[in-house]
Amino acid sequence: MKPIFGRGPSLSLRLFFAVVLSASLMLADSRLNTFSHVRYFLNSFVAPIQYAADLPRVLFDGFYERMQSHRTLLKSNQRLKQEVLTLRSDLILFNQYKEENQRLRKLLGSSFVRDERKMVTEVMAVDTSPYTHQVVIDKGRTDGVYEGQPVINENGIVGQVTFVAAHNSRVLLLIDANSAIPVQDLRNDIRVIASGNGQSEYIQLEHIPSSTDIEVGDLLASSGLGGIYPEGYPVARVSKVDKDTRREFAVIEATPVVDFDRLRYLLLVWPNEDRQQNARQSLMDTLNKEGQRGQ
């Protein structure tokens, strides 16, 4: 029985015609731009589909880049915060060292620090009570510190050493109730004794006759009598003078030139031997004159 339809061209022949047709169309399009409109139409039709198909990848790439950028920014921000914290801590230390350096320069450059031997010391501890005012310093017997040694700072006299250990010492402050220092009024050279009373705001001038010429504002300095404190170091400024004719003695108070609430660096002083000898001789002359007057 014969098939209704006869057999068509062979597969090889079909392939040959397809290749020839494709080559002809490509040649015609490249030479004559025959299918440009068709190509434009197909591109216009396919472009939205291609964009829609490519959109998930674009969104994912954008999200991934943003996440990476966010992580990078977080790391950079954290690093910058750590750097800022480190710089701030360094700045705090720098300011502290700067202030300490300025205090030391001021301490060593005080106009009244003379040719006596001196040594910088630092306050290690503060021992205060209503009537006791002492500090512990970081210099002791191994540094040549001795009992009775005067201690000053950039403003004036602080006190004297009362106890010496191997590597530290105890200083009795000028405002302590057990402290006393011979002073002289720089306005008229009147010599009196200033005593502490446990108050940091003022010290007292005791047993001063009401007729004594001492006025508010007078600067009191160490007189050098007694051989402990060198002569000429600032001590206090007279802040109150109460003279009552009904009383034998005046009530006189003086504000210390040293701020005893802010002691940090101090100076240990080794007084000049010649000056100490002169001070002792002056004290003996004064006592002899007073003895002659009493006779």
Foldseek 3Di string as FASTA:
>chain_A
DDDPDDDDDDPVVVVVVVVVVVVVVVVCCVVVVPCVVVVVVVCVVCVVVVCVVCVVVVVVVVVVVVVVVVVVVVVVVVVVVVVVVVVVVVVVVVVVVVVVVVQVCLFVPAPPDDDFDKDKWWFDAWDADQQFTKTKIFAFVCNVADFLFWKFGSQFTFATWHAGDHGMTMGGGQQHQPHKAWKAFPVPRHIFIWGHGSDLFKIWTPPAFLPDPDDFFTWIWGCLAPLRDFGDTTFWTWHDWARDPVDGHITTITGGRDRSVDGTMMMTGDDDPVRSVVNHVVNVVVVVVVVVVVD
